Every structure is written in C-alpha cells, then in structure tokens.
Amino acid sequence: MIIERNKDEIIFKLEGNIDIDDLQDLTDLFEFKEISRKSKAKQKDVDSLVKSIKKGRWEKTKNKLGL
C-alpha cells in the first residue's frame, strides 16, 4: 500500500486483489468522519433524534402487523 499526499488530496494505492466491500466500508467510515466533523449537533440532540426515529419506526411496524 502506498499513501501519497499533495496539496488538495490524499491518494491510497492498493493492490488490485483487495475486497471491494472492505473498501466500501472504509469509504463509508471516512465519509461519516468528514460529515460529523462539520456537525454542530450535541450528543443529546443526536440521542433525541434517534429516539424519535426509533419510536416512529416501531409505530409503523405495529400498524403493519396489526398489533
């Protein structure tokens, strides 16, 4: 593996036999880190949003199943 840096980007050079799914996972991690670095959200805001989403999802599932 070779990692190069120029003024605008970092380039990873890997052998061609690397599992593409592993590379996608790594890409997703880098994207998450880049997005979250710019976020001004507090952890309590994130926790509240997740709770709200989960509650809404459970209500929809209950309705679909007739519970």
N, C-alpha and C. Protein backbone atom coordinates (compact mmCIF):
# COMPACT_ATOMS: atom_id res chain seq x y z
N MET A 1 0.85 -1.17 0.00
CA MET A 1 0.00 0.00 0.00
C MET A 1 0.89 1.23 0.00
N ILE A 2 0.47 2.21 -0.78
CA ILE A 2 1.18 3.48 -0.86
C ILE A 2 0.18 4.59 -0.57
N ILE A 3 0.56 5.53 0.28
CA ILE A 3 -0.27 6.68 0.57
C ILE A 3 0.50 7.92 0.15
N GLU A 4 -0.12 8.71 -0.71
CA GLU A 4 0.51 9.94 -1.20
C GLU A 4 -0.35 11.14 -0.81
N ARG A 5 0.29 12.23 -0.51
CA ARG A 5 -0.44 13.46 -0.19
C ARG A 5 0.08 14.56 -1.10
N ASN A 6 -0.86 15.28 -1.71
CA ASN A 6 -0.49 16.51 -2.41
C ASN A 6 -1.28 17.65 -1.77
N LYS A 7 -1.27 18.82 -2.32
CA LYS A 7 -1.88 19.95 -1.61
C LYS A 7 -3.39 19.85 -1.49
N ASP A 8 -4.05 19.09 -2.36
CA ASP A 8 -5.52 19.03 -2.34
C ASP A 8 -6.12 17.69 -1.94
N GLU A 9 -5.32 16.64 -1.93
CA GLU A 9 -5.91 15.32 -1.69
C GLU A 9 -4.89 14.33 -1.16
N ILE A 10 -5.43 13.22 -0.65
CA ILE A 10 -4.61 12.09 -0.23
C ILE A 10 -5.00 10.91 -1.12
N ILE A 11 -4.01 10.20 -1.64
CA ILE A 11 -4.26 9.11 -2.57
C ILE A 11 -3.75 7.81 -1.96
N PHE A 12 -4.64 6.82 -1.87
CA PHE A 12 -4.28 5.48 -1.42
C PHE A 12 -4.12 4.61 -2.65
N LYS A 13 -3.00 3.93 -2.76
CA LYS A 13 -2.79 2.98 -3.85
C LYS A 13 -2.69 1.59 -3.22
N LEU A 14 -3.59 0.71 -3.67
CA LEU A 14 -3.68 -0.64 -3.11
C LEU A 14 -3.54 -1.67 -4.22
N GLU A 15 -3.19 -2.88 -3.82
CA GLU A 15 -3.15 -3.98 -4.79
C GLU A 15 -4.55 -4.24 -5.32
N GLY A 16 -4.65 -4.74 -6.52
CA GLY A 16 -5.94 -4.96 -7.16
C GLY A 16 -6.78 -6.08 -6.57
N ASN A 17 -6.20 -6.88 -5.68
CA ASN A 17 -6.95 -8.01 -5.14
C ASN A 17 -7.64 -7.69 -3.80
N ILE A 18 -7.74 -6.42 -3.45
CA ILE A 18 -8.42 -6.02 -2.21
C ILE A 18 -9.92 -6.20 -2.39
N ASP A 19 -10.58 -6.71 -1.34
CA ASP A 19 -12.03 -6.92 -1.37
C ASP A 19 -12.74 -5.56 -1.49
N ILE A 20 -13.56 -5.40 -2.50
CA ILE A 20 -14.22 -4.13 -2.76
C ILE A 20 -15.19 -3.77 -1.65
N ASP A 21 -15.79 -4.76 -1.00
CA ASP A 21 -16.70 -4.48 0.12
C ASP A 21 -15.95 -3.87 1.30
N ASP A 22 -14.74 -4.34 1.54
CA ASP A 22 -13.91 -3.75 2.60
C ASP A 22 -13.58 -2.30 2.28
N LEU A 23 -13.29 -2.02 1.02
CA LEU A 23 -13.00 -0.65 0.61
C LEU A 23 -14.24 0.24 0.76
N GLN A 24 -15.41 -0.31 0.48
CA GLN A 24 -16.64 0.47 0.64
C GLN A 24 -16.86 0.81 2.11
N ASP A 25 -16.62 -0.17 2.99
CA ASP A 25 -16.75 0.08 4.43
C ASP A 25 -15.80 1.19 4.87
N LEU A 26 -14.59 1.16 4.38
CA LEU A 26 -13.60 2.17 4.72
C LEU A 26 -14.02 3.54 4.17
N THR A 27 -14.52 3.56 2.97
CA THR A 27 -15.02 4.80 2.36
C THR A 27 -16.17 5.37 3.17
N ASP A 28 -17.09 4.51 3.59
CA ASP A 28 -18.22 4.96 4.40
C ASP A 28 -17.73 5.57 5.72
N LEU A 29 -16.74 4.96 6.33
CA LEU A 29 -16.18 5.49 7.57
C LEU A 29 -15.58 6.88 7.36
N PHE A 30 -14.79 7.03 6.31
CA PHE A 30 -14.19 8.34 6.02
C PHE A 30 -15.27 9.39 5.76
N GLU A 31 -16.31 9.00 5.02
CA GLU A 31 -17.38 9.94 4.72
C GLU A 31 -18.11 10.36 6.00
N PHE A 32 -18.38 9.39 6.88
CA PHE A 32 -19.02 9.69 8.15
C PHE A 32 -18.18 10.65 8.97
N LYS A 33 -16.87 10.39 9.05
CA LYS A 33 -15.98 11.24 9.83
C LYS A 33 -15.95 12.66 9.26
N GLU A 34 -15.96 12.78 7.95
CA GLU A 34 -15.93 14.10 7.31
C GLU A 34 -17.23 14.87 7.60
N ILE A 35 -18.35 14.20 7.47
CA ILE A 35 -19.64 14.83 7.71
C ILE A 35 -19.78 15.22 9.19
N SER A 36 -19.44 14.30 10.08
CA SER A 36 -19.63 14.56 11.51
C SER A 36 -18.67 15.62 12.03
N ARG A 37 -17.53 15.77 11.40
CA ARG A 37 -16.57 16.79 11.82
C ARG A 37 -17.17 18.19 11.62
N LYS A 38 -18.00 18.34 10.61
CA LYS A 38 -18.61 19.64 10.31
C LYS A 38 -19.87 19.89 11.12
N SER A 39 -20.37 18.88 11.80
CA SER A 39 -21.63 18.99 12.52
C SER A 39 -21.48 19.82 13.79
N LYS A 40 -22.53 20.56 14.10
CA LYS A 40 -22.57 21.33 15.34
C LYS A 40 -23.55 20.71 16.32
N ALA A 41 -24.06 19.53 15.99
CA ALA A 41 -25.03 18.85 16.85
C ALA A 41 -24.37 18.37 18.13
N LYS A 42 -25.12 18.46 19.21
CA LYS A 42 -24.67 17.94 20.51
C LYS A 42 -25.14 16.50 20.63
N GLN A 43 -24.46 15.72 21.47
CA GLN A 43 -24.82 14.32 21.63
C GLN A 43 -26.28 14.17 22.08
N LYS A 44 -26.74 15.06 22.97
CA LYS A 44 -28.13 14.97 23.44
C LYS A 44 -29.11 15.18 22.28
N ASP A 45 -28.76 16.03 21.32
CA ASP A 45 -29.61 16.23 20.14
C ASP A 45 -29.67 14.97 19.29
N VAL A 46 -28.53 14.33 19.12
CA VAL A 46 -28.47 13.09 18.34
C VAL A 46 -29.28 12.00 19.04
N ASP A 47 -29.11 11.87 20.35
CA ASP A 47 -29.85 10.86 21.11
C ASP A 47 -31.35 11.07 21.00
N SER A 48 -31.77 12.32 21.07
CA SER A 48 -33.20 12.64 20.96
C SER A 48 -33.73 12.29 19.57
N LEU A 49 -32.98 12.61 18.54
CA LEU A 49 -33.38 12.30 17.18
C LEU A 49 -33.50 10.80 16.96
N VAL A 50 -32.52 10.05 17.44
CA VAL A 50 -32.54 8.58 17.30
C VAL A 50 -33.75 8.00 18.02
N LYS A 51 -34.03 8.50 19.21
CA LYS A 51 -35.19 8.02 19.97
C LYS A 51 -36.48 8.28 19.20
N SER A 52 -36.58 9.46 18.63
CA SER A 52 -37.76 9.83 17.85
C SER A 52 -37.92 8.93 16.62
N ILE A 53 -36.83 8.68 15.93
CA ILE A 53 -36.87 7.84 14.73
C ILE A 53 -37.27 6.42 15.08
N LYS A 54 -36.67 5.89 16.14
CA LYS A 54 -36.99 4.52 16.55
C LYS A 54 -38.45 4.39 16.94
N LYS A 55 -38.97 5.39 17.66
CA LYS A 55 -40.36 5.35 18.08
C LYS A 55 -41.27 5.35 16.86
N GLY A 56 -41.01 6.20 15.91
CA GLY A 56 -41.81 6.25 14.71
C GLY A 56 -41.75 4.95 13.92
N ARG A 57 -40.59 4.34 13.88
CA ARG A 57 -40.43 3.08 13.15
C ARG A 57 -41.24 1.98 13.83
N TRP A 58 -41.21 1.93 15.16
CA TRP A 58 -41.94 0.89 15.88
C TRP A 58 -43.45 1.08 15.68
N GLU A 59 -43.91 2.31 15.70
CA GLU A 59 -45.34 2.57 15.48
C GLU A 59 -45.75 2.10 14.08
N LYS A 60 -44.96 2.37 13.07
CA LYS A 60 -45.27 1.91 11.71
C LYS A 60 -45.28 0.40 11.61
N THR A 61 -44.32 -0.25 12.26
CA THR A 61 -44.26 -1.72 12.25
C THR A 61 -45.47 -2.32 12.95
N LYS A 62 -45.84 -1.74 14.09
CA LYS A 62 -47.02 -2.24 14.81
C LYS A 62 -48.27 -2.10 13.94
N ASN A 63 -48.41 -1.00 13.25
CA ASN A 63 -49.57 -0.80 12.38
C ASN A 63 -49.59 -1.79 11.24
N LYS A 64 -48.44 -2.06 10.64
CA LYS A 64 -48.37 -3.02 9.54
C LYS A 64 -48.73 -4.43 9.99
N LEU A 65 -48.31 -4.76 11.21
CA LEU A 65 -48.56 -6.11 11.74
C LEU A 65 -49.92 -6.21 12.42
N GLY A 66 -50.60 -5.10 12.56
CA GLY A 66 -51.90 -5.09 13.21
C GLY A 66 -51.82 -5.32 14.70
N LEU A 67 -50.76 -4.88 15.32
CA LEU A 67 -50.59 -5.05 16.77
C LEU A 67 -51.19 -3.91 17.55
